[in-house]
């Protein structure tokens, strides 16, 4: 079942209220800062400045990091 953003928000707040109580929910919301701006637009702008070579290099670095993490988890 795919939930809308609003449904996720409502269910999330209800879960927090259930777990923390009304006062705890209020305190949590005081500490929580929602982002601002348009992440998607900013990301597109950032990626537009990269060359294909830079994108490939970043992808390879990310792939190596994931492989190292996976190897460490298996060793644990």
C-alpha atoms as a PDB file:
ATOM      1  CA  UNK A   1       0.000   0.000   0.000  1.00  0.00           C
ATOM      2  CA  UNK A   2       1.480   3.331  -1.101  1.00  0.00           C
ATOM      3  CA  UNK A   3       0.830   6.118   1.402  1.00  0.00           C
ATOM      4  CA  UNK A   4       0.652   9.760   0.445  1.00  0.00           C
ATOM      5  CA  UNK A   5       2.974  12.270   2.095  1.00  0.00           C
ATOM      6  CA  UNK A   6       0.101  13.558   4.199  1.00  0.00           C
ATOM      7  CA  UNK A   7      -0.856  10.038   5.358  1.00  0.00           C
ATOM      8  CA  UNK A   8       2.748   9.355   6.373  1.00  0.00           C
ATOM      9  CA  UNK A   9       2.878  12.638   8.299  1.00  0.00           C
ATOM     10  CA  UNK A  10      -0.400  11.937  10.123  1.00  0.00           C
ATOM     11  CA  UNK A  11       0.554   8.352  11.005  1.00  0.00           C
ATOM     12  CA  UNK A  12       4.028   9.413  12.090  1.00  0.00           C
ATOM     13  CA  UNK A  13       2.705  12.079  14.428  1.00  0.00           C
ATOM     14  CA  UNK A  14       0.152   9.633  15.832  1.00  0.00           C
ATOM     15  CA  UNK A  15       2.915   7.087  16.506  1.00  0.00           C
ATOM     16  CA  UNK A  16       5.043   9.703  18.235  1.00  0.00           C
ATOM     17  CA  UNK A  17       2.091  10.804  20.376  1.00  0.00           C
ATOM     18  CA  UNK A  18       1.379   7.171  21.288  1.00  0.00           C
ATOM     19  CA  UNK A  19       5.005   6.541  22.282  1.00  0.00           C
ATOM     20  CA  UNK A  20       5.911   9.890  23.822  1.00  0.00           C
ATOM     21  CA  UNK A  21       2.588  11.308  24.984  1.00  0.00           C
ATOM     22  CA  UNK A  22       1.355  14.770  24.079  1.00  0.00           C
ATOM     23  CA  UNK A  23       4.073  16.596  26.010  1.00  0.00           C
ATOM     24  CA  UNK A  24       6.808  14.389  24.563  1.00  0.00           C
ATOM     25  CA  UNK A  25       5.464  14.919  21.048  1.00  0.00           C
ATOM     26  CA  UNK A  26       5.514  18.682  21.617  1.00  0.00           C
ATOM     27  CA  UNK A  27       9.099  18.530  22.894  1.00  0.00           C
ATOM     28  CA  UNK A  28      10.158  16.401  19.918  1.00  0.00           C
ATOM     29  CA  UNK A  29       8.637  18.871  17.468  1.00  0.00           C
ATOM     30  CA  UNK A  30      10.476  21.733  19.179  1.00  0.00           C
ATOM     31  CA  UNK A  31      13.795  19.991  18.483  1.00  0.00           C
ATOM     32  CA  UNK A  32      12.944  18.842  14.984  1.00  0.00           C
ATOM     33  CA  UNK A  33      13.755  21.209  12.136  1.00  0.00           C
ATOM     34  CA  UNK A  34      12.246  20.520   8.759  1.00  0.00           C
ATOM     35  CA  UNK A  35      14.356  21.361   5.743  1.00  0.00           C
ATOM     36  CA  UNK A  36      13.634  24.294   3.549  1.00  0.00           C
ATOM     37  CA  UNK A  37      14.042  24.964  -0.127  1.00  0.00           C
ATOM     38  CA  UNK A  38      13.791  22.532  -3.000  1.00  0.00           C
ATOM     39  CA  UNK A  39      16.257  19.668  -2.565  1.00  0.00           C
ATOM     40  CA  UNK A  40      15.535  18.229  -6.008  1.00  0.00           C
ATOM     41  CA  UNK A  41      16.222  21.508  -7.768  1.00  0.00           C
ATOM     42  CA  UNK A  42      19.390  22.115  -5.744  1.00  0.00           C
ATOM     43  CA  UNK A  43      20.634  18.581  -6.468  1.00  0.00           C
ATOM     44  CA  UNK A  44      20.001  18.975 -10.188  1.00  0.00           C
ATOM     45  CA  UNK A  45      21.900  22.258 -10.149  1.00  0.00           C
ATOM     46  CA  UNK A  46      24.823  20.646  -8.337  1.00  0.00           C
ATOM     47  CA  UNK A  47      24.936  17.637 -10.641  1.00  0.00           C
ATOM     48  CA  UNK A  48      24.758  19.864 -13.719  1.00  0.00           C
ATOM     49  CA  UNK A  49      28.210  21.240 -12.857  1.00  0.00           C
ATOM     50  CA  UNK A  50      29.854  17.805 -12.791  1.00  0.00           C
ATOM     51  CA  UNK A  51      31.479  16.214 -15.799  1.00  0.00           C
ATOM     52  CA  UNK A  52      30.727  12.630 -16.810  1.00  0.00           C
ATOM     53  CA  UNK A  53      34.203  11.679 -15.620  1.00  0.00           C
ATOM     54  CA  UNK A  54      33.513  13.146 -12.160  1.00  0.00           C
ATOM     55  CA  UNK A  55      30.168  11.358 -11.984  1.00  0.00           C
ATOM     56  CA  UNK A  56      31.805   8.028 -12.884  1.00  0.00           C
ATOM     57  CA  UNK A  57      34.557   8.580 -10.300  1.00  0.00           C
ATOM     58  CA  UNK A  58      31.992   9.343  -7.590  1.00  0.00           C
ATOM     59  CA  UNK A  59      29.964   6.291  -8.532  1.00  0.00           C
ATOM     60  CA  UNK A  60      33.053   4.087  -8.343  1.00  0.00           C
ATOM     61  CA  UNK A  61      34.049   5.510  -4.942  1.00  0.00           C
ATOM     62  CA  UNK A  62      30.553   4.895  -3.650  1.00  0.00           C
ATOM     63  CA  UNK A  63      30.597   1.351  -4.993  1.00  0.00           C
ATOM     64  CA  UNK A  64      33.941   0.651  -3.271  1.00  0.00           C
ATOM     65  CA  UNK A  65      32.658   2.066   0.029  1.00  0.00           C
ATOM     66  CA  UNK A  66      29.551  -0.122  -0.106  1.00  0.00           C
ATOM     67  CA  UNK A  67      31.707  -3.166  -0.844  1.00  0.00           C
ATOM     68  CA  UNK A  68      33.960  -2.407   2.146  1.00  0.00           C
ATOM     69  CA  UNK A  69      30.956  -1.988   4.463  1.00  0.00           C
ATOM     70  CA  UNK A  70      29.469  -5.257   3.256  1.00  0.00           C
ATOM     71  CA  UNK A  71      32.801  -7.040   3.782  1.00  0.00           C
ATOM     72  CA  UNK A  72      33.112  -5.639   7.326  1.00  0.00           C
ATOM     73  CA  UNK A  73      29.554  -6.683   8.223  1.00  0.00           C
ATOM     74  CA  UNK A  74      30.204 -10.235   7.036  1.00  0.00           C
ATOM     75  CA  UNK A  75      33.400 -10.386   9.104  1.00  0.00           C
ATOM     76  CA  UNK A  76      31.566  -9.335  12.283  1.00  0.00           C
END
